[in-house]
N, C-alpha and C. Protein backbone atom coordinates (compact mmCIF):
# COMPACT_ATOMS: atom_id res chain seq x y z
N MET A 1 -22.43 -3.91 16.06
CA MET A 1 -23.14 -2.92 15.28
C MET A 1 -24.52 -3.47 14.94
N LYS A 2 -25.49 -2.58 14.93
CA LYS A 2 -26.85 -2.97 14.58
C LYS A 2 -27.30 -2.16 13.37
N LEU A 3 -28.15 -2.78 12.58
CA LEU A 3 -28.76 -2.12 11.43
C LEU A 3 -30.27 -2.30 11.58
N LEU A 4 -30.98 -1.20 11.67
CA LEU A 4 -32.43 -1.23 11.90
C LEU A 4 -32.78 -2.05 13.14
N GLY A 5 -31.95 -1.90 14.18
CA GLY A 5 -32.19 -2.56 15.44
C GLY A 5 -31.77 -4.02 15.49
N GLN A 6 -31.26 -4.55 14.40
CA GLN A 6 -30.87 -5.96 14.33
C GLN A 6 -29.35 -6.09 14.30
N ASP A 7 -28.84 -7.11 15.01
CA ASP A 7 -27.42 -7.41 14.92
C ASP A 7 -27.10 -7.84 13.49
N LEU A 8 -25.97 -7.37 13.00
CA LEU A 8 -25.56 -7.76 11.65
C LEU A 8 -24.94 -9.15 11.69
N GLU A 9 -25.28 -9.95 10.70
CA GLU A 9 -24.67 -11.28 10.57
C GLU A 9 -23.31 -11.07 9.90
N LEU A 10 -22.27 -11.35 10.64
CA LEU A 10 -20.92 -11.08 10.15
C LEU A 10 -20.30 -12.28 9.45
N LYS A 11 -21.00 -13.39 9.44
CA LYS A 11 -20.43 -14.60 8.87
C LYS A 11 -21.33 -15.09 7.75
N PHE A 12 -20.82 -15.11 6.54
CA PHE A 12 -21.57 -15.75 5.47
C PHE A 12 -20.58 -16.46 4.56
N LEU A 13 -21.10 -17.43 3.85
CA LEU A 13 -20.27 -18.23 2.95
C LEU A 13 -20.77 -18.08 1.53
N GLN A 14 -19.82 -17.99 0.62
CA GLN A 14 -20.13 -17.88 -0.80
C GLN A 14 -19.51 -19.09 -1.50
N PRO A 15 -20.32 -19.94 -2.16
CA PRO A 15 -19.72 -21.07 -2.87
C PRO A 15 -18.85 -20.57 -4.02
N PHE A 16 -17.75 -21.26 -4.23
CA PHE A 16 -16.81 -20.92 -5.30
C PHE A 16 -16.27 -22.22 -5.86
N SER A 17 -16.34 -22.36 -7.17
CA SER A 17 -15.88 -23.59 -7.82
C SER A 17 -14.70 -23.31 -8.73
N LEU A 18 -13.71 -24.18 -8.63
CA LEU A 18 -12.57 -24.15 -9.54
C LEU A 18 -12.74 -25.28 -10.54
N LYS A 19 -12.72 -24.96 -11.80
CA LYS A 19 -12.81 -25.98 -12.85
C LYS A 19 -11.46 -26.67 -12.97
N ARG A 20 -11.48 -27.97 -13.03
CA ARG A 20 -10.26 -28.75 -13.18
C ARG A 20 -10.13 -29.21 -14.63
N PRO A 21 -8.91 -29.47 -15.09
CA PRO A 21 -8.70 -29.89 -16.48
C PRO A 21 -9.45 -31.18 -16.84
N ASP A 22 -9.71 -32.03 -15.87
CA ASP A 22 -10.42 -33.29 -16.15
C ASP A 22 -11.93 -33.13 -16.15
N GLY A 23 -12.42 -31.89 -16.02
CA GLY A 23 -13.85 -31.63 -16.06
C GLY A 23 -14.51 -31.55 -14.70
N ARG A 24 -13.83 -31.97 -13.66
CA ARG A 24 -14.40 -31.89 -12.32
C ARG A 24 -14.36 -30.45 -11.80
N ASP A 25 -15.15 -30.20 -10.79
CA ASP A 25 -15.13 -28.92 -10.07
C ASP A 25 -14.69 -29.17 -8.64
N TRP A 26 -13.85 -28.30 -8.14
CA TRP A 26 -13.54 -28.28 -6.72
C TRP A 26 -14.35 -27.12 -6.16
N THR A 27 -15.23 -27.41 -5.22
CA THR A 27 -16.09 -26.37 -4.67
C THR A 27 -15.66 -26.03 -3.26
N PHE A 28 -15.52 -24.75 -3.01
CA PHE A 28 -15.10 -24.22 -1.72
C PHE A 28 -16.16 -23.25 -1.23
N GLN A 29 -16.14 -22.99 0.07
CA GLN A 29 -17.03 -22.00 0.68
C GLN A 29 -16.15 -20.85 1.18
N LEU A 30 -16.26 -19.70 0.52
CA LEU A 30 -15.42 -18.55 0.86
C LEU A 30 -16.16 -17.55 1.73
N SER A 31 -15.43 -16.95 2.63
CA SER A 31 -15.92 -15.84 3.45
C SER A 31 -15.17 -14.59 3.02
N PRO A 32 -15.81 -13.42 3.10
CA PRO A 32 -15.08 -12.18 2.77
C PRO A 32 -13.97 -11.92 3.78
N LEU A 33 -12.99 -11.17 3.35
CA LEU A 33 -11.91 -10.79 4.25
C LEU A 33 -12.44 -9.80 5.28
N PRO A 34 -11.95 -9.88 6.51
CA PRO A 34 -12.37 -8.90 7.51
C PRO A 34 -11.79 -7.52 7.20
N LEU A 35 -12.42 -6.51 7.73
CA LEU A 35 -11.99 -5.13 7.49
C LEU A 35 -10.52 -4.91 7.84
N GLY A 36 -10.05 -5.51 8.90
CA GLY A 36 -8.67 -5.31 9.34
C GLY A 36 -7.66 -6.28 8.78
N PHE A 37 -7.97 -6.91 7.65
CA PHE A 37 -7.07 -7.94 7.10
C PHE A 37 -5.66 -7.41 6.86
N GLN A 38 -5.54 -6.26 6.21
CA GLN A 38 -4.21 -5.73 5.89
C GLN A 38 -3.43 -5.41 7.16
N LYS A 39 -4.10 -4.89 8.18
CA LYS A 39 -3.44 -4.61 9.46
C LYS A 39 -2.98 -5.91 10.11
N LYS A 40 -3.82 -6.94 10.03
CA LYS A 40 -3.43 -8.25 10.58
C LYS A 40 -2.16 -8.75 9.90
N LEU A 41 -2.07 -8.55 8.59
CA LEU A 41 -0.86 -8.97 7.88
C LEU A 41 0.36 -8.22 8.40
N ARG A 42 0.24 -6.90 8.54
CA ARG A 42 1.36 -6.11 9.05
C ARG A 42 1.75 -6.55 10.45
N ASP A 43 0.74 -6.79 11.31
CA ASP A 43 1.00 -7.23 12.68
C ASP A 43 1.70 -8.58 12.72
N LYS A 44 1.49 -9.38 11.68
CA LYS A 44 2.12 -10.71 11.60
C LYS A 44 3.46 -10.67 10.88
N GLY A 45 3.91 -9.46 10.53
CA GLY A 45 5.21 -9.33 9.89
C GLY A 45 5.20 -9.46 8.38
N ILE A 46 4.02 -9.48 7.78
CA ILE A 46 3.92 -9.55 6.32
C ILE A 46 3.80 -8.12 5.81
N THR A 47 4.94 -7.57 5.43
CA THR A 47 4.99 -6.17 4.98
C THR A 47 5.69 -6.10 3.63
N PRO A 48 5.33 -5.11 2.83
CA PRO A 48 5.99 -4.99 1.52
C PRO A 48 7.47 -4.66 1.70
N PRO A 49 8.28 -5.17 0.79
CA PRO A 49 9.71 -4.87 0.89
C PRO A 49 9.99 -3.41 0.52
N THR A 50 11.10 -2.93 0.99
CA THR A 50 11.54 -1.58 0.67
C THR A 50 12.67 -1.66 -0.35
N PRO A 51 12.56 -0.92 -1.45
CA PRO A 51 13.63 -0.97 -2.43
C PRO A 51 14.91 -0.37 -1.86
N PRO A 52 16.06 -0.88 -2.29
CA PRO A 52 17.31 -0.32 -1.79
C PRO A 52 17.54 1.10 -2.31
N VAL A 53 18.20 1.89 -1.49
CA VAL A 53 18.54 3.26 -1.87
C VAL A 53 19.99 3.25 -2.34
N LYS A 54 20.22 3.85 -3.50
CA LYS A 54 21.57 3.91 -4.06
C LYS A 54 21.97 5.36 -4.30
N ILE A 55 23.24 5.56 -4.40
CA ILE A 55 23.79 6.90 -4.67
C ILE A 55 23.80 7.12 -6.17
N SER A 56 23.27 8.27 -6.60
CA SER A 56 23.32 8.65 -8.01
C SER A 56 24.75 9.05 -8.36
N ARG A 57 25.22 8.55 -9.48
CA ARG A 57 26.59 8.84 -9.90
C ARG A 57 26.60 9.40 -11.31
N ASP A 58 27.63 10.21 -11.58
CA ASP A 58 27.78 10.75 -12.93
C ASP A 58 28.51 9.73 -13.79
N SER A 59 28.81 10.10 -15.03
CA SER A 59 29.43 9.16 -15.97
C SER A 59 30.84 8.75 -15.57
N THR A 60 31.46 9.50 -14.69
CA THR A 60 32.81 9.13 -14.23
C THR A 60 32.76 8.31 -12.94
N GLY A 61 31.56 8.11 -12.40
CA GLY A 61 31.41 7.31 -11.18
C GLY A 61 31.39 8.12 -9.91
N LYS A 62 31.52 9.44 -10.03
CA LYS A 62 31.49 10.28 -8.83
C LYS A 62 30.05 10.52 -8.39
N PRO A 63 29.82 10.59 -7.07
CA PRO A 63 28.46 10.87 -6.58
C PRO A 63 27.97 12.23 -7.07
N ILE A 64 26.71 12.27 -7.45
CA ILE A 64 26.07 13.52 -7.86
C ILE A 64 25.58 14.22 -6.60
N ARG A 65 25.78 15.54 -6.55
CA ARG A 65 25.36 16.31 -5.38
C ARG A 65 24.32 17.34 -5.81
N ASP A 66 23.42 17.65 -4.88
CA ASP A 66 22.41 18.67 -5.17
C ASP A 66 22.98 20.05 -4.88
N HIS A 67 22.16 21.08 -5.02
CA HIS A 67 22.62 22.47 -4.83
C HIS A 67 23.10 22.74 -3.41
N ALA A 68 22.69 21.93 -2.44
CA ALA A 68 23.14 22.11 -1.05
C ALA A 68 24.36 21.25 -0.74
N GLY A 69 24.85 20.53 -1.74
CA GLY A 69 26.03 19.70 -1.53
C GLY A 69 25.73 18.30 -1.01
N GLN A 70 24.46 17.97 -0.86
CA GLN A 70 24.09 16.64 -0.38
C GLN A 70 24.12 15.63 -1.53
N VAL A 71 24.53 14.42 -1.21
CA VAL A 71 24.57 13.36 -2.21
C VAL A 71 23.13 13.03 -2.63
N VAL A 72 22.92 12.91 -3.94
CA VAL A 72 21.61 12.57 -4.48
C VAL A 72 21.47 11.04 -4.50
N THR A 73 20.34 10.56 -4.00
CA THR A 73 20.09 9.12 -3.97
C THR A 73 18.83 8.80 -4.78
N PHE A 74 18.66 7.53 -5.08
CA PHE A 74 17.46 7.05 -5.76
C PHE A 74 17.13 5.65 -5.26
N THR A 75 15.87 5.30 -5.38
CA THR A 75 15.47 3.94 -5.01
C THR A 75 15.60 3.06 -6.24
N ASP A 76 16.22 1.91 -6.05
CA ASP A 76 16.47 0.99 -7.15
C ASP A 76 15.33 -0.03 -7.23
N LEU A 77 14.31 0.32 -8.01
CA LEU A 77 13.15 -0.55 -8.16
C LEU A 77 13.43 -1.75 -9.05
N ASN A 78 14.59 -1.79 -9.67
CA ASN A 78 14.95 -2.91 -10.54
C ASN A 78 15.95 -3.86 -9.89
N SER A 79 16.24 -3.66 -8.64
CA SER A 79 17.14 -4.55 -7.91
C SER A 79 16.57 -5.96 -7.94
N ALA A 80 17.41 -6.93 -8.29
CA ALA A 80 16.96 -8.33 -8.36
C ALA A 80 16.41 -8.80 -7.01
N GLU A 81 17.08 -8.42 -5.93
CA GLU A 81 16.62 -8.83 -4.60
C GLU A 81 15.26 -8.19 -4.27
N PHE A 82 15.10 -6.91 -4.61
CA PHE A 82 13.83 -6.23 -4.36
C PHE A 82 12.70 -6.87 -5.17
N LEU A 83 12.97 -7.17 -6.44
CA LEU A 83 11.94 -7.79 -7.28
C LEU A 83 11.55 -9.16 -6.74
N SER A 84 12.54 -9.92 -6.30
CA SER A 84 12.27 -11.24 -5.72
C SER A 84 11.47 -11.11 -4.43
N ASP A 85 11.87 -10.18 -3.57
CA ASP A 85 11.15 -9.95 -2.31
C ASP A 85 9.72 -9.47 -2.57
N SER A 86 9.53 -8.63 -3.60
CA SER A 86 8.19 -8.14 -3.94
C SER A 86 7.30 -9.29 -4.42
N GLU A 87 7.86 -10.14 -5.25
CA GLU A 87 7.10 -11.29 -5.74
C GLU A 87 6.69 -12.19 -4.58
N LEU A 88 7.62 -12.45 -3.67
CA LEU A 88 7.32 -13.29 -2.50
C LEU A 88 6.26 -12.63 -1.62
N TYR A 89 6.36 -11.33 -1.41
CA TYR A 89 5.37 -10.61 -0.61
C TYR A 89 3.97 -10.77 -1.21
N HIS A 90 3.85 -10.53 -2.51
CA HIS A 90 2.54 -10.63 -3.17
C HIS A 90 2.01 -12.06 -3.12
N GLN A 91 2.90 -13.03 -3.27
CA GLN A 91 2.49 -14.44 -3.16
C GLN A 91 1.96 -14.73 -1.77
N ARG A 92 2.66 -14.25 -0.75
CA ARG A 92 2.23 -14.48 0.63
C ARG A 92 0.90 -13.81 0.93
N VAL A 93 0.70 -12.59 0.45
CA VAL A 93 -0.58 -11.90 0.66
C VAL A 93 -1.70 -12.71 0.02
N ALA A 94 -1.49 -13.17 -1.20
CA ALA A 94 -2.51 -13.95 -1.90
C ALA A 94 -2.83 -15.24 -1.14
N VAL A 95 -1.80 -15.96 -0.71
CA VAL A 95 -2.01 -17.22 0.00
C VAL A 95 -2.72 -16.99 1.33
N LEU A 96 -2.29 -15.99 2.08
CA LEU A 96 -2.94 -15.71 3.37
C LEU A 96 -4.37 -15.22 3.19
N ALA A 97 -4.65 -14.54 2.08
CA ALA A 97 -6.03 -14.14 1.78
C ALA A 97 -6.88 -15.38 1.52
N VAL A 98 -6.33 -16.35 0.80
CA VAL A 98 -7.06 -17.59 0.54
C VAL A 98 -7.31 -18.33 1.85
N VAL A 99 -6.29 -18.43 2.69
CA VAL A 99 -6.45 -19.10 4.00
C VAL A 99 -7.54 -18.40 4.80
N GLU A 100 -7.50 -17.08 4.84
CA GLU A 100 -8.50 -16.31 5.60
C GLU A 100 -9.90 -16.50 5.02
N ALA A 101 -10.01 -16.49 3.70
CA ALA A 101 -11.32 -16.64 3.06
C ALA A 101 -11.89 -18.05 3.26
N LEU A 102 -11.03 -19.03 3.48
CA LEU A 102 -11.48 -20.41 3.70
C LEU A 102 -11.68 -20.74 5.17
N ARG A 103 -11.54 -19.76 6.05
CA ARG A 103 -11.57 -20.01 7.50
C ARG A 103 -12.87 -20.66 7.98
N ASN A 104 -13.97 -20.45 7.28
CA ASN A 104 -15.25 -21.02 7.70
C ASN A 104 -15.69 -22.20 6.85
N ASP A 105 -14.82 -22.67 5.95
CA ASP A 105 -15.14 -23.84 5.12
C ASP A 105 -14.67 -25.09 5.87
N SER A 106 -15.62 -25.81 6.43
CA SER A 106 -15.28 -26.98 7.25
C SER A 106 -14.72 -28.13 6.44
N SER A 107 -14.81 -28.07 5.11
CA SER A 107 -14.28 -29.15 4.29
C SER A 107 -12.79 -28.98 3.97
N VAL A 108 -12.23 -27.83 4.31
CA VAL A 108 -10.82 -27.55 4.00
C VAL A 108 -10.00 -27.56 5.28
N CYS A 109 -8.89 -28.27 5.23
CA CYS A 109 -7.97 -28.30 6.36
C CYS A 109 -6.55 -28.29 5.81
N PHE A 110 -5.78 -27.31 6.20
CA PHE A 110 -4.38 -27.25 5.78
C PHE A 110 -3.55 -28.07 6.76
N GLU A 111 -2.53 -28.75 6.22
CA GLU A 111 -1.65 -29.56 7.07
C GLU A 111 -0.75 -28.69 7.93
N THR A 112 -0.36 -27.55 7.40
CA THR A 112 0.52 -26.64 8.13
C THR A 112 -0.28 -25.92 9.21
N VAL A 113 0.23 -25.97 10.42
CA VAL A 113 -0.46 -25.34 11.55
C VAL A 113 -0.05 -23.87 11.63
N PRO A 114 -1.03 -22.96 11.72
CA PRO A 114 -0.68 -21.54 11.84
C PRO A 114 0.13 -21.27 13.10
N PRO A 115 1.04 -20.31 13.06
CA PRO A 115 1.86 -19.99 14.23
C PRO A 115 1.07 -19.68 15.48
N GLU A 116 -0.08 -19.01 15.37
CA GLU A 116 -0.82 -18.62 16.57
C GLU A 116 -1.49 -19.81 17.26
N VAL A 117 -1.69 -20.90 16.53
CA VAL A 117 -2.35 -22.07 17.10
C VAL A 117 -1.36 -22.94 17.85
N ASP A 118 -0.17 -23.06 17.29
CA ASP A 118 0.82 -23.96 17.89
C ASP A 118 2.15 -23.22 18.00
N GLY A 119 2.41 -22.65 19.13
CA GLY A 119 3.64 -21.88 19.32
C GLY A 119 4.89 -22.73 19.26
N THR A 120 4.75 -24.04 19.25
CA THR A 120 5.93 -24.91 19.24
C THR A 120 6.43 -25.21 17.84
N ASN A 121 5.67 -24.84 16.80
CA ASN A 121 6.12 -25.22 15.46
C ASN A 121 7.22 -24.31 14.93
N GLY A 122 7.50 -23.20 15.58
CA GLY A 122 8.62 -22.34 15.21
C GLY A 122 8.45 -21.61 13.89
N LEU A 123 7.26 -21.61 13.32
CA LEU A 123 7.04 -20.94 12.05
C LEU A 123 6.71 -19.46 12.25
N SER A 124 7.21 -18.63 11.36
CA SER A 124 6.74 -17.25 11.28
C SER A 124 5.52 -17.27 10.35
N TRP A 125 4.82 -16.16 10.25
CA TRP A 125 3.69 -16.10 9.33
C TRP A 125 4.16 -16.19 7.88
N GLY A 126 5.35 -15.67 7.60
CA GLY A 126 5.91 -15.82 6.26
C GLY A 126 6.18 -17.29 5.95
N ASP A 127 6.77 -18.00 6.92
CA ASP A 127 7.01 -19.44 6.75
C ASP A 127 5.69 -20.18 6.55
N PHE A 128 4.69 -19.80 7.33
CA PHE A 128 3.37 -20.44 7.22
C PHE A 128 2.81 -20.25 5.81
N ALA A 129 2.85 -19.01 5.30
CA ALA A 129 2.35 -18.73 3.95
C ALA A 129 3.11 -19.54 2.91
N ASP A 130 4.43 -19.63 3.07
CA ASP A 130 5.24 -20.40 2.12
C ASP A 130 4.88 -21.89 2.17
N ALA A 131 4.65 -22.42 3.38
CA ALA A 131 4.29 -23.83 3.52
C ALA A 131 2.91 -24.11 2.93
N VAL A 132 1.96 -23.20 3.14
CA VAL A 132 0.63 -23.38 2.55
C VAL A 132 0.72 -23.28 1.03
N PHE A 133 1.56 -22.39 0.52
CA PHE A 133 1.77 -22.30 -0.92
C PHE A 133 2.23 -23.65 -1.46
N GLN A 134 3.17 -24.28 -0.75
CA GLN A 134 3.65 -25.61 -1.16
C GLN A 134 2.51 -26.63 -1.12
N GLU A 135 1.66 -26.56 -0.11
CA GLU A 135 0.50 -27.46 -0.03
C GLU A 135 -0.41 -27.27 -1.24
N LEU A 136 -0.68 -26.01 -1.58
CA LEU A 136 -1.53 -25.73 -2.73
C LEU A 136 -0.90 -26.26 -4.01
N GLU A 137 0.40 -26.06 -4.14
CA GLU A 137 1.11 -26.53 -5.32
C GLU A 137 1.05 -28.05 -5.42
N GLN A 138 1.29 -28.74 -4.29
CA GLN A 138 1.25 -30.20 -4.27
C GLN A 138 -0.16 -30.73 -4.53
N ALA A 139 -1.18 -29.96 -4.18
CA ALA A 139 -2.56 -30.38 -4.42
C ALA A 139 -2.98 -30.17 -5.87
N GLY A 140 -2.11 -29.55 -6.67
CA GLY A 140 -2.41 -29.35 -8.08
C GLY A 140 -2.93 -27.99 -8.45
N PHE A 141 -2.83 -27.03 -7.53
CA PHE A 141 -3.26 -25.67 -7.86
C PHE A 141 -2.30 -25.07 -8.87
N THR A 142 -2.84 -24.22 -9.72
CA THR A 142 -2.05 -23.52 -10.73
C THR A 142 -2.01 -22.03 -10.39
N PRO A 143 -1.13 -21.27 -11.04
CA PRO A 143 -1.16 -19.82 -10.82
C PRO A 143 -2.54 -19.23 -11.14
N GLY A 144 -3.18 -19.76 -12.18
CA GLY A 144 -4.52 -19.29 -12.53
C GLY A 144 -5.55 -19.57 -11.44
N ASP A 145 -5.39 -20.71 -10.75
CA ASP A 145 -6.30 -21.04 -9.65
C ASP A 145 -6.16 -20.01 -8.53
N LEU A 146 -4.92 -19.66 -8.19
CA LEU A 146 -4.69 -18.68 -7.13
C LEU A 146 -5.26 -17.32 -7.55
N LEU A 147 -5.10 -16.97 -8.82
CA LEU A 147 -5.66 -15.71 -9.32
C LEU A 147 -7.19 -15.74 -9.26
N ALA A 148 -7.79 -16.88 -9.63
CA ALA A 148 -9.25 -16.99 -9.59
C ALA A 148 -9.76 -16.85 -8.16
N PHE A 149 -9.06 -17.49 -7.21
CA PHE A 149 -9.42 -17.33 -5.80
C PHE A 149 -9.37 -15.86 -5.41
N CYS A 150 -8.28 -15.19 -5.75
CA CYS A 150 -8.11 -13.78 -5.37
C CYS A 150 -9.18 -12.90 -6.00
N ASP A 151 -9.52 -13.17 -7.26
CA ASP A 151 -10.59 -12.40 -7.91
C ASP A 151 -11.90 -12.55 -7.15
N GLU A 152 -12.23 -13.79 -6.78
CA GLU A 152 -13.49 -14.03 -6.07
C GLU A 152 -13.45 -13.43 -4.67
N ILE A 153 -12.32 -13.53 -4.00
CA ILE A 153 -12.18 -12.94 -2.67
C ILE A 153 -12.35 -11.42 -2.75
N CYS A 154 -11.75 -10.80 -3.75
CA CYS A 154 -11.92 -9.35 -3.94
C CYS A 154 -13.39 -9.02 -4.17
N ARG A 155 -14.06 -9.82 -4.99
CA ARG A 155 -15.46 -9.56 -5.30
C ARG A 155 -16.34 -9.66 -4.06
N ILE A 156 -16.22 -10.74 -3.29
CA ILE A 156 -17.11 -10.90 -2.14
C ILE A 156 -16.72 -9.99 -0.97
N SER A 157 -15.49 -9.48 -1.00
CA SER A 157 -15.03 -8.56 0.05
C SER A 157 -15.24 -7.10 -0.34
N ASN A 158 -15.86 -6.87 -1.49
CA ASN A 158 -16.11 -5.51 -1.99
C ASN A 158 -14.82 -4.71 -2.12
N MET A 159 -13.77 -5.37 -2.57
CA MET A 159 -12.48 -4.69 -2.75
C MET A 159 -12.35 -4.29 -4.21
N LEU A 160 -12.13 -3.02 -4.43
CA LEU A 160 -11.94 -2.54 -5.79
C LEU A 160 -10.46 -2.36 -6.09
N ASP A 161 -9.70 -1.96 -5.11
CA ASP A 161 -8.27 -1.75 -5.26
C ASP A 161 -7.60 -2.30 -4.02
N GLY A 162 -6.32 -2.10 -3.92
CA GLY A 162 -5.61 -2.49 -2.71
C GLY A 162 -4.55 -3.53 -2.96
N HIS A 163 -3.93 -3.94 -1.86
CA HIS A 163 -2.80 -4.86 -1.97
C HIS A 163 -3.19 -6.22 -2.53
N LEU A 164 -4.38 -6.71 -2.19
CA LEU A 164 -4.76 -8.02 -2.71
C LEU A 164 -4.91 -7.95 -4.22
N ARG A 165 -5.48 -6.86 -4.73
CA ARG A 165 -5.63 -6.69 -6.18
C ARG A 165 -4.25 -6.65 -6.83
N GLU A 166 -3.32 -5.93 -6.21
CA GLU A 166 -1.95 -5.89 -6.72
C GLU A 166 -1.34 -7.29 -6.73
N ALA A 167 -1.55 -8.00 -5.65
CA ALA A 167 -0.94 -9.32 -5.51
C ALA A 167 -1.48 -10.28 -6.55
N GLN A 168 -2.76 -10.21 -6.84
CA GLN A 168 -3.32 -11.17 -7.77
C GLN A 168 -3.09 -10.77 -9.22
N ALA A 169 -2.71 -9.52 -9.47
CA ALA A 169 -2.55 -9.05 -10.84
C ALA A 169 -1.47 -9.83 -11.59
N ASN A 170 -0.32 -9.97 -10.99
CA ASN A 170 0.77 -10.72 -11.61
C ASN A 170 1.88 -10.81 -10.59
N PHE A 171 2.11 -12.00 -10.08
CA PHE A 171 3.08 -12.17 -9.00
C PHE A 171 4.50 -11.83 -9.44
N SER A 172 4.78 -11.81 -10.74
CA SER A 172 6.13 -11.50 -11.19
C SER A 172 6.23 -10.16 -11.88
N SER A 173 5.21 -9.34 -11.80
CA SER A 173 5.25 -8.08 -12.52
C SER A 173 6.28 -7.13 -11.90
N LEU A 174 6.83 -6.30 -12.75
CA LEU A 174 7.77 -5.29 -12.27
C LEU A 174 6.97 -4.15 -11.65
N PRO A 175 7.44 -3.60 -10.54
CA PRO A 175 6.73 -2.47 -9.95
C PRO A 175 6.80 -1.25 -10.86
N VAL A 176 5.83 -0.40 -10.74
CA VAL A 176 5.82 0.83 -11.51
C VAL A 176 6.97 1.69 -11.03
N ASN A 177 7.75 2.22 -11.97
CA ASN A 177 8.91 3.03 -11.62
C ASN A 177 8.45 4.41 -11.17
N SER A 178 8.98 4.86 -10.08
CA SER A 178 8.65 6.20 -9.60
C SER A 178 9.93 6.97 -9.36
N SER A 179 9.83 8.27 -9.41
CA SER A 179 11.03 9.08 -9.16
C SER A 179 11.09 9.47 -7.70
N SER A 180 12.28 9.54 -7.18
CA SER A 180 12.48 9.94 -5.79
C SER A 180 13.38 11.12 -5.73
């Protein structure tokens, strides 16, 4: 794409510093997320979990039926497994956003090799995100550090809403209840 006859520079770095408790700063060079980031996540198998569907029952335990005689169902947004899977999904999105935003920072190198680089490591993208999360944790990152990264990534990527904003809001938050 050209703007006023000039090729657009698609690569830029934004310095970002994390304040450490001992007074030091860790400075990183962040790049905005590419337009297709969410699609890349889906293509890599990082998708939001689906809440389980349950049968609505009356006070005696019998299935409730609608006017056509069909069993009425509902999605169980409070299922422990669904909540756990949602938290993990949001954590993975946040971690992979950080990895993507650091892609042009030559001072950062993760020990875990991405699946696309080394097909022999047997990792899925979910496994990769989990391993990088462990690396961040071992390096002394806090939940607040991950949130600060996500805030800055959203800012430089011109993201006002979306999955990354949801992910950084609160990794353990309960999803908003909706009726089905």
